[in-house]
Protein backbone atom coordinates (compact mmCIF):
# COMPACT_ATOMS: atom_id res chain seq x y z
CA MET A 1 54.50 101.60 64.03
CA GLU A 2 54.90 100.27 60.40
CA GLU A 3 56.48 97.10 60.06
CA ASN A 4 59.16 98.22 57.98
CA GLU A 5 60.04 101.08 60.69
CA LYS A 6 62.68 100.01 63.04
CA ILE A 7 64.04 101.65 66.10
CA ILE A 8 67.51 102.03 67.42
CA ASN A 9 67.61 102.56 71.29
CA THR A 10 70.98 104.52 71.68
CA GLU A 11 71.35 102.71 75.23
CA GLU A 12 72.60 99.91 73.30
CA ALA A 13 75.24 101.56 71.26
CA PRO A 14 78.84 101.38 72.68
CA ALA A 15 80.06 104.44 74.71
CA VAL A 16 82.37 107.18 72.54
CA GLU A 17 84.55 109.69 73.11
CA GLU A 18 83.52 112.97 75.11
CA VAL A 19 82.19 115.70 73.18
CA PRO A 20 80.82 119.03 74.03
CA SER A 21 77.23 119.66 74.99
CA VAL A 22 75.02 122.75 74.19
CA LYS A 23 76.61 125.82 75.32
CA GLU A 24 74.22 128.72 76.79
CA ILE A 25 73.96 132.09 75.18
CA SER A 26 73.46 134.74 78.18
CA ALA A 27 75.41 135.29 81.15
CA VAL A 28 75.09 132.33 83.79
CA GLU A 29 76.98 131.02 86.63
CA GLU A 30 79.81 128.95 85.01
CA VAL A 31 79.87 125.25 85.93
CA PRO A 32 83.47 123.80 85.79
CA ALA A 33 83.81 120.98 83.91
CA ALA A 34 85.06 117.96 85.89
CA GLU A 35 87.58 116.88 83.25
CA GLU A 36 90.16 118.61 80.98
CA SER A 37 89.17 119.33 77.29
CA THR A 38 91.04 118.49 74.40
CA GLU A 39 92.52 121.35 72.21
CA ALA A 40 89.71 120.57 69.58
CA GLU A 41 87.02 120.65 72.15
CA GLU A 42 88.29 124.03 73.76
CA ALA A 43 88.51 125.48 69.90
CA LEU A 44 84.39 124.69 70.42
CA ALA A 45 84.18 126.84 73.40
CA GLU A 46 85.53 129.92 72.21
CA GLU A 47 83.24 133.07 72.59
CA PRO A 48 82.03 134.84 69.55
CA ALA A 49 83.24 138.52 69.08
CA LEU A 50 81.29 140.53 66.50
CA PRO A 51 83.44 142.94 64.24
CA GLU A 52 83.23 146.26 65.54
CA ARG A 53 81.78 148.96 63.06
CA GLU A 54 83.94 151.51 62.03
CA GLU A 55 82.31 155.15 60.65
CA GLY A 56 82.73 156.04 56.97
CA GLU A 57 84.89 153.98 54.38
CA PRO A 58 84.71 150.17 54.94
CA THR A 59 87.75 148.58 56.08
CA ASP A 60 89.11 145.09 56.19
CA GLU A 61 88.04 144.68 59.78
CA GLU A 62 84.26 145.46 58.85
CA PHE A 63 84.21 142.57 56.33
CA ASP A 64 85.08 140.13 58.95
CA VAL A 65 82.02 137.66 59.48
CA PRO A 66 80.94 136.98 62.83
CA ASP A 67 81.06 133.71 64.45
CA GLU A 68 77.63 131.78 64.39
CA PRO A 69 75.10 133.52 66.76
CA VAL A 70 74.95 130.30 68.59
CA PRO A 71 78.34 129.57 69.94
CA THR A 72 79.56 125.71 69.88
CA PRO A 73 79.54 124.34 73.33
CA LYS A 74 81.81 124.97 76.11
CA LYS A 75 80.96 122.15 78.32
CA LYS A 76 81.51 118.53 77.27
CA THR A 77 79.56 115.26 78.19
CA ARG A 78 79.46 111.59 77.09
CA VAL A 79 77.23 111.01 74.08
CA LEU A 80 76.43 107.61 74.75
CA ALA A 81 74.75 107.33 71.07
CA GLY A 82 78.18 105.87 69.92
CA ALA A 83 80.30 107.26 66.94
CA LEU A 84 78.31 107.75 63.72
CA ALA A 85 79.94 105.11 61.82
CA VAL A 86 79.17 102.55 64.32
CA LEU A 87 75.61 103.54 64.59
CA VAL A 88 75.39 103.15 60.45
CA VAL A 89 76.94 99.37 61.06
CA VAL A 90 74.18 98.81 63.81
CA ALA A 91 71.60 99.88 61.58
CA MET A 92 72.74 97.82 58.73
CA VAL A 93 72.87 95.03 60.77
CA LEU A 94 69.36 95.47 62.13
CA GLY A 95 68.11 95.76 58.51
CA ILE A 96 66.78 99.54 59.29
CA ALA A 97 64.33 100.71 56.52
CA GLN A 98 63.69 104.13 55.17
CA PRO A 99 61.05 105.30 57.77
CA PHE A 100 58.02 106.61 56.79
CA GLY A 101 57.29 110.25 57.20
CA MET A 102 61.09 111.41 56.43
CA LYS A 103 60.77 114.38 54.13
CA ARG A 104 63.22 114.04 51.34
CA GLY A 105 63.26 117.77 50.77
CA SER A 106 63.33 120.32 47.93
CA ASN A 107 65.65 122.99 49.01
CA LYS A 108 68.24 123.06 46.84
CA ASN A 109 70.05 125.92 47.65
CA GLY A 110 72.60 127.33 50.10
CA ILE A 111 76.21 126.31 51.15
CA PHE A 112 75.18 122.96 52.58
CA TYR A 113 73.44 121.64 49.32
CA ALA A 114 76.34 122.94 47.38
CA ALA A 115 78.62 120.72 49.64
CA THR A 116 76.58 117.69 50.01
CA GLY A 117 73.94 117.58 46.97
CA ILE A 118 71.10 116.82 49.77
CA PRO A 119 68.35 119.20 49.97
CA THR A 120 68.52 121.37 53.25
CA ASP A 121 65.12 120.63 54.24
CA ALA A 122 65.25 116.85 54.06
CA VAL A 123 64.61 115.19 57.26
CA LEU A 124 68.01 113.06 57.77
CA MET A 125 66.69 111.64 61.05
CA LYS A 126 64.25 111.70 64.03
CA VAL A 127 65.25 111.93 67.55
CA ASP A 128 62.43 110.53 69.73
CA GLY A 129 60.18 111.68 67.04
CA ARG A 130 61.66 115.24 66.46
CA ALA A 131 62.88 115.75 62.78
CA VAL A 132 66.18 117.03 62.25
CA THR A 133 66.77 118.46 59.15
CA ALA A 134 69.98 118.73 56.82
CA GLU A 135 70.11 122.42 57.35
CA ARG A 136 70.54 121.70 61.36
CA TYR A 137 72.73 118.87 61.05
CA PHE A 138 75.20 120.27 58.53
CA TYR A 139 75.33 123.37 60.83
CA TRP A 140 76.81 121.42 63.77
CA LEU A 141 79.00 119.42 61.49
CA ALA A 142 80.52 122.46 59.66
CA SER A 143 80.96 124.17 63.04
CA ALA A 144 82.78 121.28 64.44
CA CYS A 145 84.91 121.03 60.99
CA ASN A 146 85.76 124.64 61.13
CA ALA A 147 87.16 124.64 64.69
CA VAL A 148 89.30 121.37 64.59
CA SER A 149 90.74 122.46 61.45
CA TYR A 150 92.79 124.83 63.02
CA TYR A 151 94.51 122.09 65.21
CA MET A 152 95.05 119.48 62.46
CA GLY A 153 98.46 121.04 61.32
CA GLU A 154 100.16 120.75 57.90
CA GLY A 155 99.82 117.44 56.35
CA VAL A 156 97.18 116.16 58.70
CA GLY A 157 93.48 115.67 57.30
CA PHE A 158 90.38 114.65 58.72
CA ASP A 159 91.06 110.78 58.24
CA SER A 160 94.23 111.07 60.63
CA ASP A 161 93.98 109.92 64.39
CA THR A 162 93.41 112.45 66.76
CA GLY A 163 95.66 110.68 69.59
CA THR A 164 92.45 109.04 71.07
CA GLY A 165 91.78 106.37 68.48
CA GLU A 166 89.22 108.08 66.53
CA THR A 167 90.10 110.34 63.23
CA TYR A 168 89.18 113.99 63.18
CA ALA A 169 86.20 113.02 60.93
CA ASP A 170 84.72 110.73 63.52
CA PHE A 171 85.02 113.70 66.07
CA CYS A 172 83.21 115.98 63.70
CA ARG A 173 80.44 113.45 63.12
CA THR A 174 79.97 112.46 66.63
CA TYR A 175 79.75 116.24 67.65
CA ALA A 176 77.34 116.95 65.34
CA LEU A 177 75.41 113.96 66.12
CA GLY A 178 75.68 114.68 70.05
CA SER A 179 74.40 118.35 69.54
CA VAL A 180 71.40 117.44 67.60
CA GLN A 181 70.55 114.65 70.77
CA GLU A 182 71.11 117.03 73.46
CA TYR A 183 68.73 119.94 71.46
CA ALA A 184 66.14 117.19 70.99
CA ALA A 185 66.72 116.41 74.92
CA ILE A 186 66.41 120.14 75.63
CA GLU A 187 63.33 120.81 73.42
CA ALA A 188 61.54 117.52 75.23
CA TRP A 189 62.06 118.92 78.59
CA ALA A 190 60.79 122.28 77.55
CA GLU A 191 57.65 120.71 76.04
CA GLN A 192 57.20 118.46 79.23
CA PHE A 193 57.54 121.38 82.01
CA GLY A 194 55.74 123.85 79.67
CA TRP A 195 58.71 126.23 79.82
CA THR A 196 58.20 129.43 77.50
CA LEU A 197 60.24 132.30 76.70
CA SER A 198 59.63 135.58 78.28
CA GLU A 199 58.75 138.62 76.56
CA GLU A 200 62.22 140.09 77.29
CA GLU A 201 63.78 136.91 75.89
CA SER A 202 61.88 137.07 72.69
CA ALA A 203 62.51 140.25 72.22
CA ALA A 204 66.15 139.86 72.57
CA ILE A 205 66.06 137.18 70.01
CA GLU A 206 64.21 139.35 67.43
CA GLU A 207 66.66 142.49 68.37
CA GLU A 208 69.58 140.20 67.48
CA LEU A 209 68.21 139.09 64.35
CA ALA A 210 67.05 142.73 63.31
CA SER A 211 70.98 143.77 64.05
CA TYR A 212 72.17 141.11 61.76
CA GLN A 213 69.87 141.59 58.82
CA GLU A 214 70.59 145.48 59.26
CA GLU A 215 74.42 144.94 59.17
CA TYR A 216 74.49 142.09 56.85
CA GLY A 217 71.43 141.57 55.02
CA ASP A 218 70.63 138.37 53.75
CA PHE A 219 74.55 137.62 53.21
CA ILE A 220 75.08 136.56 56.80
CA PHE A 221 72.34 133.85 56.88
CA ASN A 222 73.65 132.53 53.38
CA TYR A 223 77.11 132.37 55.04
CA TRP A 224 76.03 130.74 57.90
CA GLY A 225 73.83 128.04 55.87
CA PHE A 226 70.79 128.71 57.67
CA GLY A 227 67.77 131.02 57.78
CA PRO A 228 66.20 133.34 60.33
CA ASP A 229 63.98 130.61 61.71
CA THR A 230 66.51 128.37 62.48
CA MET A 231 68.66 131.04 64.09
CA ARG A 232 65.46 131.57 66.68
CA TYR A 233 65.49 128.01 67.09
CA LEU A 234 68.94 127.79 68.15
CA TYR A 235 68.72 130.66 70.35
CA ARG A 236 65.36 129.76 71.76
CA MET A 237 66.85 126.12 72.52
CA ASN A 238 70.03 127.73 74.39
CA ILE A 239 67.66 129.90 76.49
CA PHE A 240 65.76 126.39 77.41
CA TYR A 241 69.22 124.90 78.21
CA GLN A 242 69.65 127.43 80.84
CA LYS A 243 66.40 126.68 82.38
CA ALA A 244 66.95 123.11 82.27
CA GLN A 245 70.48 123.49 83.91
CA THR A 246 68.78 125.52 86.73
CA ALA A 247 66.11 122.84 86.90
CA ALA A 248 68.39 120.44 87.72
CA GLN A 249 70.60 122.31 90.03
CA THR A 250 67.77 124.21 92.53
CA ALA A 251 65.70 122.36 94.99
CA ASP A 252 62.44 123.08 93.47
CA GLY A 253 63.37 122.49 89.84
CA GLU A 254 61.80 120.13 87.81
CA LEU A 255 64.97 117.98 87.39
CA PHE A 256 66.44 118.19 90.54
CA PRO A 257 67.48 114.64 91.42
CA SER A 258 66.19 112.66 94.51
CA GLU A 259 67.92 112.33 98.05
CA GLU A 260 69.32 108.94 96.96
CA GLU A 261 70.52 110.24 93.73
CA ILE A 262 72.18 113.17 95.13
CA ALA A 263 73.63 110.81 97.91
CA ALA A 264 75.25 108.28 95.20
CA TYR A 265 76.63 111.33 93.13
CA ARG A 266 78.18 112.81 96.25
CA GLU A 267 79.94 109.57 97.23
CA GLU A 268 80.68 108.74 93.53
CA THR A 269 82.56 112.30 92.70
CA GLY A 270 84.02 113.10 96.24
CA TYR A 271 83.25 116.57 96.19
CA MET A 272 83.92 118.73 99.31
CA LYS A 273 84.20 122.36 100.18
CA ALA A 274 86.69 124.33 102.17
CA ASP A 275 88.05 127.62 102.75
CA GLN A 276 91.61 128.29 103.18
CA ILE A 277 94.22 131.15 104.35
CA PHE A 278 97.16 131.19 101.96
CA LEU A 279 100.48 132.81 102.61
CA ALA A 280 103.00 132.24 99.33
CA THR A 281 106.27 131.30 99.63
CA ILE A 282 106.94 132.16 96.11
CA ASP A 283 106.56 135.53 93.94
CA LEU A 284 103.08 135.03 92.67
CA THR A 285 103.99 136.95 89.87
CA THR A 286 107.33 135.56 88.86
CA GLY A 287 107.23 132.03 90.53
CA GLU A 288 110.74 132.55 92.03
CA ALA A 289 110.98 131.19 95.46
CA LEU A 290 111.07 133.88 98.47
CA SER A 291 114.02 133.99 100.68
CA ASP A 292 114.36 131.31 103.68
CA GLU A 293 113.89 134.36 106.04
CA VAL A 294 110.69 135.22 104.76
CA LYS A 295 109.40 131.62 104.29
CA ALA A 296 110.15 131.35 107.89
CA GLU A 297 108.16 134.55 108.84
CA LYS A 298 105.25 133.52 107.14
CA LYS A 299 105.01 130.06 108.63
CA ALA A 300 105.22 131.59 111.96
CA ARG A 301 102.69 134.21 111.08
CA MET A 302 100.36 131.12 110.09
CA GLU A 303 100.82 129.42 113.10
CA GLU A 304 99.74 132.46 114.95
CA LEU A 305 96.71 132.52 112.53
CA ARG A 306 95.58 129.10 113.26
CA ALA A 307 96.17 129.29 117.08
CA GLU A 308 93.62 132.55 116.72
CA VAL A 309 91.32 130.44 115.05
CA LEU A 310 91.15 127.65 117.23
CA ALA A 311 90.79 129.76 120.28
CA SER A 312 87.59 131.36 118.92
CA ASP A 313 84.21 130.70 120.13
CA ASP A 314 82.97 131.03 116.59
CA ILE A 315 85.78 129.33 114.48
CA ALA A 316 83.69 129.76 111.06
CA ALA A 317 83.52 133.76 111.56
CA THR A 318 87.06 134.13 112.67
CA PHE A 319 88.50 132.17 109.90
CA ALA A 320 86.67 134.32 107.36
CA LYS A 321 88.02 137.42 108.89
CA LEU A 322 91.29 136.34 108.93
CA ALA A 323 91.53 134.92 105.75
CA ASP A 324 89.98 138.44 104.18
CA GLU A 325 92.56 140.08 106.05
CA ASN A 326 95.56 138.05 105.67
CA SER A 327 95.36 135.52 102.80
CA GLU A 328 97.38 135.71 99.74
CA ASP A 329 95.21 133.70 97.58
CA THR A 330 94.22 135.57 94.28
CA GLY A 331 91.16 133.30 94.17
CA ARG A 332 89.56 134.92 97.02
CA ALA A 333 87.80 137.73 95.55
CA ALA A 334 86.06 135.21 93.20
CA TYR A 335 85.35 132.38 95.92
CA PRO A 336 85.15 134.32 99.13
CA ASP A 337 82.98 131.43 100.83
CA GLY A 338 85.39 128.82 99.62
CA TYR A 339 86.02 126.19 97.05
CA VAL A 340 83.99 123.20 95.84
CA PHE A 341 86.46 120.59 94.55
CA ASN A 342 87.50 116.91 94.23
CA ASP A 343 90.77 115.03 93.13
CA ALA A 344 90.26 115.90 89.55
CA THR A 345 89.74 119.43 90.06
CA GLY A 346 93.65 119.98 89.81
CA PHE A 347 94.30 121.75 93.16
CA VAL A 348 97.96 121.09 94.57
CA THR A 349 97.86 117.94 96.27
CA GLU A 350 98.66 119.36 99.86
CA PHE A 351 95.43 121.21 99.62
CA THR A 352 93.46 118.20 98.72
CA ASP A 353 95.05 116.27 101.46
CA ALA A 354 94.74 118.88 104.24
CA ALA A 355 90.84 118.84 103.30
CA LYS A 356 90.35 115.48 103.39
CA SER A 357 92.14 115.10 106.80
CA VAL A 358 89.49 117.15 108.59
CA GLU A 359 85.80 116.85 109.38
CA VAL A 360 83.28 119.69 108.40
CA GLY A 361 83.76 122.20 110.85
CA GLU A 362 87.20 121.62 111.61
CA VAL A 363 90.61 123.58 110.96
CA SER A 364 93.46 121.67 109.34
CA ALA A 365 97.02 121.46 110.19
CA ILE A 366 99.25 123.78 108.26
CA ALA A 367 99.86 122.02 105.00
CA GLU A 368 102.73 123.21 102.77
CA SER A 369 102.97 123.06 98.94
CA GLU A 370 105.56 124.43 96.57
CA MET A 371 103.47 127.57 96.37
CA GLY A 372 103.23 128.25 100.06
CA TYR A 373 101.26 127.53 103.11
CA HIS A 374 97.66 126.49 103.54
CA LEU A 375 95.48 126.53 106.55
CA LEU A 376 92.06 124.96 105.76
CA LEU A 377 88.36 125.11 107.35
CA ARG A 378 86.45 122.10 105.91
CA LYS A 379 82.96 123.57 105.29
CA GLU A 380 79.39 122.05 104.57
CA LEU A 381 78.69 121.30 101.06
CA SER A 382 74.78 121.94 100.17
CA ASP A 383 73.05 119.97 97.82
CA GLU A 384 72.59 122.72 95.26
CA GLU A 385 76.32 123.87 95.49
CA LEU A 386 77.47 120.19 94.96
CA LEU A 387 75.05 120.07 91.81
CA LYS A 388 75.89 123.43 90.45
CA ASN A 389 79.71 123.09 90.85
CA GLY A 390 79.88 119.36 89.78
CA ASN A 391 79.01 117.73 86.46
CA PHE A 392 75.57 116.24 87.53
CA PHE A 393 73.86 118.16 84.82
CA GLU A 394 76.08 116.52 82.06
CA ILE A 395 75.62 113.05 83.49
CA LEU A 396 71.63 113.63 83.48
CA MET A 397 72.06 114.91 79.88
CA ASP A 398 74.17 111.66 79.17
CA LYS A 399 71.39 109.38 80.45
CA THR A 400 68.49 111.43 78.62
CA THR A 401 70.51 110.90 75.21
CA ALA A 402 71.53 107.42 75.99
CA ALA A 403 67.92 106.34 76.24
CA GLN A 404 66.63 108.49 73.13
CA GLU A 405 65.27 106.64 70.10
CA ILE A 406 66.92 107.66 66.75
CA ARG A 407 65.68 106.77 63.29
CA TYR A 408 67.89 107.40 60.44
CA SER A 409 66.64 108.02 56.69
CA LYS A 410 67.94 106.20 53.64
CA THR A 411 69.70 109.60 52.69
CA PHE A 412 71.43 109.52 56.00
CA GLU A 413 72.57 105.90 55.62
CA ASN A 414 73.65 105.90 52.13
CA GLU A 415 75.07 109.30 51.67
CA VAL A 416 76.04 111.40 54.71
CA ALA A 417 77.67 108.24 56.44
CA ALA A 418 79.75 107.78 53.25
CA MET A 419 80.42 111.47 53.08
CA ASP A 420 84.00 112.75 52.76
CA ILE A 421 84.11 115.01 55.84
CA GLY A 422 87.26 116.81 54.45
CA ALA A 423 85.70 117.36 50.86
CA PHE A 424 82.39 118.77 52.96
CA ASN A 425 84.53 121.17 54.71
CA GLU A 426 86.53 122.65 51.78
CA THR A 427 83.30 123.03 49.82
CA VAL A 428 81.81 124.77 52.70
CA LEU A 429 84.82 126.96 52.91
CA ALA A 430 85.08 127.82 49.35
CA GLU A 431 81.44 128.48 49.11
CA ARG A 432 81.68 130.80 52.19
CA ASP A 433 84.75 132.77 50.70
CA ALA A 434 82.85 133.31 47.38
CA LEU A 435 79.94 134.72 49.45
CA LEU A 436 82.25 136.92 51.27
CA GLN A 437 83.90 138.25 48.10
CA THR A 438 80.66 138.90 46.54
CA TYR A 439 79.62 140.74 49.65
CA GLN A 440 82.82 142.77 49.94
CA ALA A 441 82.67 143.75 46.39
CA ALA A 442 78.91 145.06 46.68
CA GLN A 443 80.05 147.28 49.63
CA THR A 444 82.99 148.65 48.08
CA GLY A 445 81.49 149.01 44.57
CA GLY A 446 84.02 146.20 43.24
CA ASP A 447 87.02 148.58 43.22
CA GLY A 448 87.59 149.07 47.24
CA SER A 449 86.59 152.86 47.05
CA GLY A 450 83.52 152.56 48.98
CA ASN A 451 81.65 154.55 46.59
CA ALA A 452 78.64 152.08 46.17
CA GLY A 453 77.77 152.28 49.61
CA GLU A 454 77.69 156.42 49.49
CA ASP A 455 75.79 156.39 46.02
CA GLU A 456 73.20 154.00 47.72
CA ALA A 457 73.14 156.35 51.02
CA GLY A 458 72.98 159.52 48.57
CA ALA A 459 69.82 157.85 46.74
CA ASN A 460 67.99 157.15 49.81
């Protein structure tokens, strides 16, 4: 390492508020978050919907621009790298100089250059040696700004406090940095374990890319602020994210934890598994209480069911059969084998307490909550079930990003750190609106008639 090239080890930076992590693209089993998300984080988790294509003349709906091809993340983790402002202060204190090998960039085109004056191919930082261009960093920053702006309300700016002690601008910076770090972690794992895309996965990416280009041409990439290569990268890394998640949750996976780590995680989180028979004492549609007579009948029925289970030679099989036949739990179809949960999951207290009161294989006493009567069978929670349903992967990502080494360019320190996030967002939105107006005019011939499209089709 050159003498004037210093390193920040992000383990030394203070912890910050939670931000979302990388989101998967294709369908995988959902891993519930252990904690509730803020509104701003939930906005980043919304699934994208492409506008439907109509036959014939263009409509306003057809001019809707699809969301970014790689949705912003649904889960959230702690990014221990620290808020951007904190990191810059640390960098200044440590006297970090401009690292060698940081490309200054020459591409002075696109919405992000218009918003920042920074070439989009300039390298703003290196995460464990992996270059992060302005294009990619500003893509994540713009995504966060776009999402949280819907929740700021009238008269609330990016410098306003979110209610957590950080500003909306800080949240956006932290989100962008966290996304960069997590993508770097995924890329490192892919290289370490030799993960590659299948022919089908590669073909699916190219098909999606061709679909966008056929539908929108270059407009859509100009609108998003990146080119086809960055789109391929984002899709590829999100597929590898799924591979990493699977590797951390299956016994033969490269990232599967040791027995000691699993035991510690199990003890720390308190996850357990239980099946239930539930008889409601309220109308599950309206929430209104049922009559005392009906409640009495349901309690008597639950006592009969419990007696039948306890008298059985095969408690588990009998419980499952009676639950299938009698339980009024609306979630049973989705969770026929029972629930994995802990105190933070949000189940009614009576349910959780009933599960804690018995050992694996035992049946609880009848528990009454404001919703009805619960009879639980405590079940064995396997290591894989624990890891899939808990937040272990998020913790693993936390540790990985906390240990990353980040080097910042002078451009990042002097310009990006001082950037007005509100002005950045406004310029990006204005640039996108101008692009959209131009695209609409081209599609309608400038007068809304749609004649230009017809003439072009006729000429071909």
